[in-house]
Amino acid sequence: MLRETTFYLSRVLGKKVFTKAGNLIGTLADIAVNFEAAMPQVAALILKSGHKEVIADYINFSVTEEKGQYSFQCTDLIICSSLPENTLMLKKYVLDRQLVDINGRKLVRVNDLRLAVMSAGTFLVAVDVGFEGFMRRLGVAKPLKSLLGLFNIAMPGKFILWDEVETVDIGHAGIKLNKPYSKLETLHVSDLADILEDMDIKMQAEVFSSLDDEKAADVLEELETEAQITVLESLSVEKAADLLEMMPADEVADILEEMEEEKAEELLLEMERESSDEIRELMEYEDNEVGSIMTTDFIAYKVSMTVSDVITELRRLKPEPSSIYYLYIVDEKERLTATVSLRDLVVSEPDTKIDEIMNTKMIYVKDTDEIEEIGDIISKYNLLAVPVVDKDMELLGMVVIDDIVYNLLRARRRKI
């Protein structure tokens, strides 16, 4: 048996398989690999003999090499009635399929697979996603390499270690693994959203449904509007409503406004009353009004509180970073009266009253003001967020600089 050598799947498929005595068993139709092992290990060979296929346990097989050609030999053939649990056929379910390159954070196509023969067995070690792998499949890699060599041109090749990829294009083929998509959980939600947008609808729905609710809500927020709608429509109404409730109300309003009215209403009715009422109010604003892009996730305190009171409350709430660019001070009728910066809060003594450090000379906008006005205000006063009030000065929400940038980019895309 060969030790610590490698071969390509494309080079052994269709090859004849013999016993040690030289008797023909059949031709190699596929290789089944156990994906639940620490390193994916060959568990069985699918052999074609005449018009039928048999599953042969790999335990008594070895790999031989002669003049650069690899083949399998068997000392004692063991036929299995079915594939071992948690195995996947490489040709049928991996070759020519799409995988996620975890480090490259993108979808790649499998042109070939590299296996390694070691003392402990034969293992799947790498994916060939380069041009050389594609040419190898066509059987012209060697002559093309020689031809390019005459001009000092190297044939581009690219390998990715199996540890650095995630299989995603198998679920809708009926294959279920014990730990699906665990590597995807390590990706940033923005990268994961980009990858999902490149998937077909079936794959997209399957991968998204495998995420836990918190991750799924974060990814949903990062998707482009068209992908958001596609994903939501692939979910049950109950599941979709639960995820939307975990997202900022202004983001949800933007999504629902792009959906069919009947579907949007169905989701709103499924949501908690408080959440749906908040979203409905945001959806009533015109597209060019400040209220249409404001977030209602803001933090407001009474003027009677101390610095220690506020910090204790912040620790309890654990708000998102964008929610604490500024803290807002309101009176007993929830009217905006002042602002406090996080910096002033942190450097002040714990027993300091809020009215000693608050700023009553506020910059604010009305909910019915035009969006274009906010950009000028943020630029002029170098602000990260602007509070939004109604005609009676009641604090309704705030607009953060991220939403301004997103709105400008969306308007530009619409023009294009």
Protein backbone atom coordinates (compact mmCIF):
# COMPACT_ATOMS: atom_id res chain seq x y z
CA MET A 1 0.00 0.00 0.00
CA LEU A 2 1.21 3.50 -0.81
CA ARG A 3 2.17 5.64 2.17
CA GLU A 4 1.60 9.35 2.45
CA THR A 5 0.91 9.99 -1.22
CA THR A 6 -1.92 11.79 -2.96
CA PHE A 7 -4.14 11.23 -5.98
CA TYR A 8 -7.09 12.97 -7.68
CA LEU A 9 -10.62 11.64 -7.81
CA SER A 10 -10.82 12.33 -11.55
CA ARG A 11 -7.80 10.09 -12.14
CA VAL A 12 -9.33 7.00 -10.51
CA LEU A 13 -12.99 7.20 -11.55
CA GLY A 14 -13.76 4.63 -14.22
CA LYS A 15 -10.60 2.66 -13.46
CA LYS A 16 -10.75 -1.12 -13.16
CA VAL A 17 -10.60 -2.59 -9.66
CA PHE A 18 -8.94 -5.97 -9.10
CA THR A 19 -8.36 -8.47 -6.35
CA LYS A 20 -4.78 -9.13 -5.26
CA ALA A 21 -4.90 -12.23 -7.42
CA GLY A 22 -5.67 -10.09 -10.44
CA ASN A 23 -9.36 -10.94 -10.83
CA LEU A 24 -11.56 -8.06 -12.06
CA ILE A 25 -14.17 -6.89 -9.54
CA GLY A 26 -15.57 -3.99 -11.53
CA THR A 27 -14.88 -0.35 -12.37
CA LEU A 28 -14.83 2.49 -9.85
CA ALA A 29 -18.06 4.50 -10.08
CA ASP A 30 -17.70 6.60 -6.91
CA ILE A 31 -16.00 6.92 -3.55
CA ALA A 32 -17.97 7.29 -0.29
CA VAL A 33 -16.37 9.33 2.47
CA ASN A 34 -17.31 9.53 6.15
CA PHE A 35 -17.77 13.26 6.80
CA GLU A 36 -18.29 12.87 10.53
CA ALA A 37 -14.69 11.72 11.12
CA ALA A 38 -12.11 14.24 12.35
CA MET A 39 -10.71 14.12 8.81
CA PRO A 40 -13.07 12.88 6.04
CA GLN A 41 -12.07 9.25 5.50
CA VAL A 42 -12.87 6.88 2.65
CA ALA A 43 -15.38 4.34 3.97
CA ALA A 44 -16.56 2.53 0.84
CA LEU A 45 -16.15 2.22 -2.91
CA ILE A 46 -19.07 2.09 -5.32
CA LEU A 47 -18.15 -0.41 -8.01
CA LYS A 48 -19.92 -0.99 -11.30
CA SER A 49 -20.06 -4.58 -12.49
CA GLY A 50 -22.06 -5.14 -15.63
CA HIS A 51 -25.34 -3.26 -15.29
CA LYS A 52 -25.38 -3.11 -11.50
CA GLU A 53 -23.51 -1.25 -8.78
CA VAL A 54 -22.28 -2.68 -5.49
CA ILE A 55 -21.03 -1.03 -2.33
CA ALA A 56 -17.69 -2.42 -1.16
CA ASP A 57 -16.36 -1.81 2.34
CA TYR A 58 -13.00 -0.04 1.99
CA ILE A 59 -11.35 -1.84 4.90
CA ASN A 60 -9.50 -4.41 2.74
CA PHE A 61 -8.55 -2.09 -0.13
CA SER A 62 -5.22 -0.53 -0.97
CA VAL A 63 -4.11 2.01 -3.56
CA THR A 64 -1.47 1.05 -6.10
CA GLU A 65 0.48 3.24 -8.52
CA GLU A 66 2.15 2.31 -11.79
CA LYS A 67 3.67 4.86 -14.16
CA GLY A 68 1.70 7.67 -12.58
CA GLN A 69 -1.61 5.79 -12.78
CA TYR A 70 -3.48 4.96 -9.57
CA SER A 71 -5.88 2.06 -8.99
CA PHE A 72 -7.45 0.07 -6.16
CA GLN A 73 -6.81 -3.55 -5.16
CA CYS A 74 -8.71 -5.69 -2.67
CA THR A 75 -7.54 -8.60 -0.52
CA ASP A 76 -10.97 -9.67 0.76
CA LEU A 77 -14.09 -8.15 -0.80
CA ILE A 78 -16.87 -7.23 1.66
CA ILE A 79 -20.15 -6.19 0.03
CA CYS A 80 -22.43 -3.82 2.01
CA SER A 81 -26.20 -3.63 1.66
CA SER A 82 -26.11 0.16 2.03
CA LEU A 83 -23.71 3.02 2.56
CA PRO A 84 -22.35 3.48 6.09
CA GLU A 85 -24.04 6.22 8.14
CA ASN A 86 -22.86 9.83 7.64
CA THR A 87 -21.13 9.10 4.33
CA LEU A 88 -21.27 11.09 1.13
CA MET A 89 -20.46 9.98 -2.41
CA LEU A 90 -17.84 12.33 -3.81
CA LYS A 91 -18.70 12.16 -7.50
CA LYS A 92 -22.46 12.32 -7.01
CA TYR A 93 -22.70 14.97 -4.31
CA VAL A 94 -19.43 16.95 -4.18
CA LEU A 95 -17.77 17.01 -7.62
CA ASP A 96 -19.05 19.92 -9.74
CA ARG A 97 -21.02 21.22 -6.75
CA GLN A 98 -20.58 24.48 -4.89
CA LEU A 99 -18.80 24.83 -1.57
CA VAL A 100 -18.14 27.81 0.67
CA ASP A 101 -14.51 28.83 0.88
CA ILE A 102 -14.47 29.88 4.54
CA ASN A 103 -11.25 31.90 4.37
CA GLY A 104 -12.06 33.43 0.99
CA ARG A 105 -15.66 33.99 2.15
CA LYS A 106 -17.20 33.04 -1.19
CA LEU A 107 -18.81 30.22 -3.14
CA VAL A 108 -16.49 28.06 -5.24
CA ARG A 109 -17.07 25.23 -7.71
CA VAL A 110 -15.42 21.86 -7.13
CA ASN A 111 -13.41 20.91 -10.23
CA ASP A 112 -11.62 17.98 -8.62
CA LEU A 113 -10.84 16.44 -5.24
CA ARG A 114 -7.49 15.46 -3.78
CA LEU A 115 -7.18 12.41 -1.55
CA ALA A 116 -4.23 11.25 0.52
CA VAL A 117 -3.15 7.71 1.36
CA MET A 118 -1.75 7.49 4.89
CA SER A 119 -0.97 4.70 7.31
CA ALA A 120 -4.34 5.21 9.06
CA GLY A 121 -6.38 5.12 5.85
CA THR A 122 -7.29 7.19 2.80
CA PHE A 123 -8.57 10.72 3.44
CA LEU A 124 -10.10 13.62 1.55
CA VAL A 125 -7.68 16.50 2.09
CA ALA A 126 -8.30 19.26 -0.44
CA VAL A 127 -10.59 20.72 -3.07
CA ASP A 128 -9.29 21.76 -6.47
CA VAL A 129 -11.16 24.88 -7.61
CA GLY A 130 -8.60 26.03 -10.19
CA PHE A 131 -8.30 25.91 -13.96
CA GLU A 132 -5.86 22.99 -13.80
CA GLY A 133 -8.48 20.83 -12.07
CA PHE A 134 -10.99 21.61 -14.81
CA MET A 135 -8.46 20.72 -17.52
CA ARG A 136 -7.58 17.52 -15.67
CA ARG A 137 -11.23 16.50 -15.80
CA LEU A 138 -11.15 16.96 -19.58
CA GLY A 139 -8.00 14.85 -19.78
CA VAL A 140 -5.86 17.61 -21.31
CA ALA A 141 -4.04 18.98 -18.24
CA LYS A 142 -0.68 17.32 -18.99
CA PRO A 143 -0.38 18.25 -22.69
CA LEU A 144 -1.65 21.76 -22.00
CA LYS A 145 0.88 22.15 -19.19
CA SER A 146 3.66 21.08 -21.54
CA LEU A 147 2.49 23.49 -24.23
CA LEU A 148 2.27 26.42 -21.83
CA GLY A 149 5.70 25.51 -20.44
CA LEU A 150 7.25 26.26 -23.84
CA PHE A 151 6.18 29.87 -23.32
CA ASN A 152 7.12 29.93 -19.63
CA ILE A 153 3.46 30.18 -18.69
CA ALA A 154 2.26 28.30 -15.61
CA MET A 155 -1.19 26.75 -15.61
CA PRO A 156 -3.15 28.40 -12.78
CA GLY A 157 -4.18 26.01 -10.06
CA LYS A 158 -5.90 26.54 -6.74
CA PHE A 159 -6.39 24.16 -3.86
CA ILE A 160 -8.36 24.71 -0.67
CA LEU A 161 -7.88 22.42 2.31
CA TRP A 162 -11.04 20.54 3.20
CA ASP A 163 -10.92 22.03 6.71
CA GLU A 164 -11.42 25.44 5.09
CA VAL A 165 -14.59 24.66 3.13
CA GLU A 166 -18.23 24.00 3.98
CA THR A 167 -20.44 21.67 1.96
CA VAL A 168 -23.69 23.48 1.17
CA ASP A 169 -25.00 22.01 -2.08
CA ILE A 170 -26.19 18.63 -0.77
CA GLY A 171 -29.17 19.12 1.53
CA HIS A 172 -31.84 19.35 -1.14
CA ALA A 173 -30.47 16.11 -2.60
CA GLY A 174 -31.70 14.31 0.52
CA ILE A 175 -28.35 14.12 2.32
CA LYS A 176 -28.39 14.98 6.03
CA LEU A 177 -25.24 15.31 8.12
CA ASN A 178 -25.13 15.46 11.92
CA LYS A 179 -23.36 18.85 12.01
CA PRO A 180 -24.54 20.83 8.98
CA TYR A 181 -22.96 24.19 8.22
CA SER A 182 -21.10 24.50 11.53
CA LYS A 183 -18.21 26.31 9.80
CA LEU A 184 -20.57 28.98 8.46
CA GLU A 185 -21.27 30.03 12.04
CA THR A 186 -17.70 31.33 12.24
CA LEU A 187 -18.25 33.87 9.45
CA HIS A 188 -19.15 37.51 10.01
CA VAL A 189 -22.84 38.10 9.26
CA SER A 190 -21.97 40.48 6.39
CA ASP A 191 -19.81 37.81 4.71
CA LEU A 192 -22.46 35.17 5.28
CA ALA A 193 -25.09 37.47 3.74
CA ASP A 194 -22.91 37.97 0.64
CA ILE A 195 -22.51 34.20 0.26
CA LEU A 196 -26.23 33.56 0.66
CA GLU A 197 -27.00 36.10 -2.06
CA ASP A 198 -24.87 34.08 -4.51
CA MET A 199 -26.74 30.83 -3.79
CA ASP A 200 -29.73 29.48 -5.66
CA ILE A 201 -33.10 29.73 -3.91
CA LYS A 202 -33.17 26.14 -2.61
CA MET A 203 -29.65 26.27 -1.21
CA GLN A 204 -30.23 29.73 0.22
CA ALA A 205 -33.36 28.63 2.07
CA GLU A 206 -31.72 25.50 3.46
CA VAL A 207 -28.57 27.21 4.74
CA PHE A 208 -30.53 30.11 6.22
CA SER A 209 -32.92 27.77 8.05
CA SER A 210 -29.95 26.02 9.67
CA LEU A 211 -28.85 29.21 11.49
CA ASP A 212 -29.94 29.90 15.05
CA ASP A 213 -32.54 32.67 15.37
CA GLU A 214 -30.16 35.37 16.58
CA LYS A 215 -27.67 34.75 13.77
CA ALA A 216 -30.46 34.43 11.23
CA ALA A 217 -31.93 37.80 12.22
CA ASP A 218 -28.52 39.48 11.96
CA VAL A 219 -27.89 37.92 8.52
CA LEU A 220 -31.38 38.85 7.32
CA GLU A 221 -30.67 42.47 8.22
CA GLU A 222 -27.52 42.42 6.04
CA LEU A 223 -29.13 40.90 2.93
CA GLU A 224 -30.18 42.97 -0.06
CA THR A 225 -33.93 43.63 -0.18
CA GLU A 226 -34.64 41.08 -2.92
CA ALA A 227 -32.80 38.36 -1.01
CA GLN A 228 -34.57 39.35 2.23
CA ILE A 229 -37.96 38.84 0.61
CA THR A 230 -36.92 35.53 -0.97
CA VAL A 231 -35.67 34.17 2.34
CA LEU A 232 -38.73 35.32 4.29
CA GLU A 233 -41.06 33.74 1.76
CA SER A 234 -39.22 30.42 2.16
CA LEU A 235 -40.01 30.38 5.90
CA SER A 236 -43.24 29.69 7.72
CA VAL A 237 -45.19 32.81 8.69
CA GLU A 238 -44.51 32.09 12.37
CA LYS A 239 -40.75 31.73 11.87
CA ALA A 240 -40.52 34.81 9.64
CA ALA A 241 -42.47 36.92 12.14
CA ASP A 242 -40.23 35.78 15.01
CA LEU A 243 -37.11 36.83 13.11
CA LEU A 244 -38.56 40.20 12.13
CA GLU A 245 -39.39 40.93 15.77
CA MET A 246 -35.68 40.55 16.59
CA MET A 247 -34.71 43.22 14.05
CA PRO A 248 -34.86 47.04 14.34
CA ALA A 249 -38.37 48.28 13.51
CA ASP A 250 -37.12 50.64 10.79
CA GLU A 251 -35.34 47.79 9.01
CA VAL A 252 -38.48 45.67 9.14
CA ALA A 253 -40.58 48.52 7.80
CA ASP A 254 -38.23 48.85 4.81
CA ILE A 255 -38.56 45.14 4.04
CA LEU A 256 -42.34 44.97 4.38
CA GLU A 257 -42.81 48.01 2.16
CA GLU A 258 -41.15 46.07 -0.67
CA MET A 259 -43.30 42.96 -0.18
CA GLU A 260 -46.74 42.27 -1.56
CA GLU A 261 -49.30 44.02 0.66
CA GLU A 262 -51.13 40.80 1.50
CA LYS A 263 -47.95 39.00 2.60
CA ALA A 264 -46.75 41.99 4.62
CA GLU A 265 -50.09 42.21 6.41
CA GLU A 266 -49.96 38.49 7.19
CA LEU A 267 -46.57 38.92 8.85
CA LEU A 268 -47.69 41.99 10.81
CA LEU A 269 -50.71 40.14 12.17
CA GLU A 270 -48.47 37.28 13.31
CA MET A 271 -46.12 39.61 15.20
CA GLU A 272 -46.61 40.88 18.75
CA ARG A 273 -49.02 43.82 18.84
CA GLU A 274 -46.48 46.29 20.21
CA SER A 275 -43.93 45.46 17.52
CA SER A 276 -46.41 45.51 14.65
CA ASP A 277 -47.91 48.84 15.77
CA GLU A 278 -44.45 50.39 15.84
CA ILE A 279 -43.68 49.10 12.35
CA ARG A 280 -47.04 50.26 10.97
CA GLU A 281 -46.34 53.79 12.22
CA LEU A 282 -43.00 53.84 10.43
CA MET A 283 -44.57 52.54 7.22
CA GLU A 284 -46.99 55.47 7.18
CA TYR A 285 -44.21 57.97 6.48
CA GLU A 286 -43.46 59.05 2.93
CA ASP A 287 -40.18 57.78 1.44
CA ASN A 288 -38.62 61.25 1.55
CA GLU A 289 -39.53 61.93 5.19
CA VAL A 290 -37.11 61.54 8.10
CA GLY A 291 -39.54 59.26 9.92
CA SER A 292 -39.18 56.61 7.21
CA ILE A 293 -35.51 55.97 8.11
CA MET A 294 -35.42 56.70 11.83
CA THR A 295 -34.83 53.94 14.35
CA THR A 296 -37.00 53.71 17.43
CA ASP A 297 -34.24 51.93 19.34
CA PHE A 298 -33.00 54.90 21.37
CA ILE A 299 -32.23 55.45 25.05
CA ALA A 300 -33.86 58.27 27.00
CA TYR A 301 -33.62 59.20 30.68
CA LYS A 302 -35.24 61.58 33.11
CA VAL A 303 -33.38 64.68 34.22
CA SER A 304 -33.63 63.64 37.89
CA MET A 305 -31.28 60.66 37.45
CA THR A 306 -27.60 60.53 38.41
CA VAL A 307 -24.64 59.35 36.37
CA SER A 308 -24.54 56.17 38.46
CA ASP A 309 -28.24 55.50 37.76
CA VAL A 310 -27.73 55.86 34.03
CA ILE A 311 -24.62 53.65 33.88
CA THR A 312 -26.37 50.95 35.93
CA GLU A 313 -29.28 51.02 33.48
CA LEU A 314 -26.96 50.84 30.48
CA ARG A 315 -25.26 47.79 31.91
CA ARG A 316 -28.64 46.16 32.35
CA LEU A 317 -29.86 46.95 28.84
CA LYS A 318 -26.59 46.16 27.02
CA PRO A 319 -27.65 48.28 24.01
CA GLU A 320 -26.24 48.13 20.49
CA PRO A 321 -23.30 50.54 19.89
CA SER A 322 -25.34 52.79 17.58
CA SER A 323 -27.96 53.25 20.31
CA ILE A 324 -25.56 55.05 22.63
CA TYR A 325 -23.89 57.57 20.36
CA TYR A 326 -25.88 60.04 22.44
CA LEU A 327 -28.26 59.67 25.39
CA TYR A 328 -31.43 61.73 25.36
CA ILE A 329 -33.08 63.47 28.29
CA VAL A 330 -36.86 63.80 28.33
CA ASP A 331 -39.40 65.39 30.64
CA GLU A 332 -42.45 63.79 32.21
CA LYS A 333 -44.33 64.10 28.88
CA GLU A 334 -41.52 62.37 26.95
CA ARG A 335 -40.51 65.65 25.29
CA LEU A 336 -36.87 66.04 24.31
CA THR A 337 -35.12 68.53 26.59
CA ALA A 338 -31.40 67.77 26.31
CA THR A 339 -28.68 65.34 25.23
CA VAL A 340 -25.73 63.75 27.05
CA SER A 341 -22.68 62.35 25.31
CA LEU A 342 -21.30 58.98 26.38
CA ARG A 343 -17.94 60.63 26.93
CA ASP A 344 -19.35 63.14 29.47
CA LEU A 345 -21.18 60.33 31.22
CA VAL A 346 -18.06 58.18 31.60
CA VAL A 347 -15.75 60.93 32.89
CA SER A 348 -18.23 62.32 35.44
CA GLU A 349 -18.43 61.30 39.09
CA PRO A 350 -21.10 58.67 39.87
CA ASP A 351 -23.22 60.96 42.05
CA THR A 352 -23.30 63.77 39.48
CA LYS A 353 -26.82 64.80 38.49
CA ILE A 354 -27.63 64.50 34.80
CA ASP A 355 -28.72 68.13 34.61
CA GLU A 356 -25.14 69.13 35.46
CA ILE A 357 -23.64 67.56 32.35
CA MET A 358 -26.49 67.64 29.82
CA ASN A 359 -26.54 69.89 26.78
CA THR A 360 -29.77 71.83 26.24
CA LYS A 361 -28.59 73.37 22.97
CA MET A 362 -29.70 70.39 20.92
CA ILE A 363 -29.67 69.71 17.23
CA TYR A 364 -32.76 67.78 16.20
CA VAL A 365 -35.08 67.15 13.24
CA LYS A 366 -38.82 66.70 12.85
CA ASP A 367 -40.22 63.36 11.70
CA THR A 368 -41.83 65.03 8.68
CA ASP A 369 -38.68 66.88 7.59
CA GLU A 370 -37.14 65.83 4.28
CA ILE A 371 -34.32 63.30 4.47
CA GLU A 372 -31.95 65.46 2.42
CA GLU A 373 -31.79 67.97 5.28
CA ILE A 374 -30.21 65.45 7.67
CA GLY A 375 -27.09 64.98 5.57
CA ASP A 376 -26.34 68.68 5.77
CA ILE A 377 -26.96 68.72 9.55
CA ILE A 378 -24.72 65.73 10.26
CA SER A 379 -21.96 67.17 8.08
CA LYS A 380 -22.21 70.70 9.51
CA TYR A 381 -22.25 69.69 13.18
CA ASN A 382 -20.11 66.53 12.88
CA LEU A 383 -22.76 64.30 14.48
CA LEU A 384 -23.08 60.51 14.59
CA ALA A 385 -26.83 60.59 15.24
CA VAL A 386 -29.70 63.08 15.29
CA PRO A 387 -32.81 62.83 17.51
CA VAL A 388 -36.21 62.88 15.79
CA VAL A 389 -39.22 64.61 17.38
CA ASP A 390 -42.81 65.34 16.41
CA LYS A 391 -44.48 68.76 16.28
CA ASP A 392 -44.91 68.69 20.08
CA MET A 393 -41.21 67.87 20.69
CA GLU A 394 -42.02 64.33 21.81
CA LEU A 395 -38.99 62.12 21.17
CA LEU A 396 -39.88 59.51 18.52
CA GLY A 397 -36.51 58.07 17.56
CA MET A 398 -33.18 58.95 16.03
CA VAL A 399 -31.38 58.74 12.72
CA VAL A 400 -27.82 57.37 12.84
CA ILE A 401 -25.19 58.17 10.24
CA ASP A 402 -25.22 54.55 8.98
CA ASP A 403 -28.85 54.94 7.90
CA ILE A 404 -28.06 58.19 6.09
CA VAL A 405 -25.26 56.53 4.11
CA TYR A 406 -27.45 53.50 3.32
CA ASN A 407 -30.29 55.71 2.16
CA LEU A 408 -27.98 57.67 -0.14
CA LEU A 409 -26.55 54.46 -1.63
CA ARG A 410 -30.02 52.98 -2.14
CA ALA A 411 -31.18 56.18 -3.89
CA ARG A 412 -28.12 56.06 -6.13
CA ARG A 413 -28.75 52.39 -7.05
CA ARG A 414 -32.34 53.21 -7.96
CA LYS A 415 -31.16 55.92 -10.33
CA ILE A 416 -28.76 53.50 -12.01
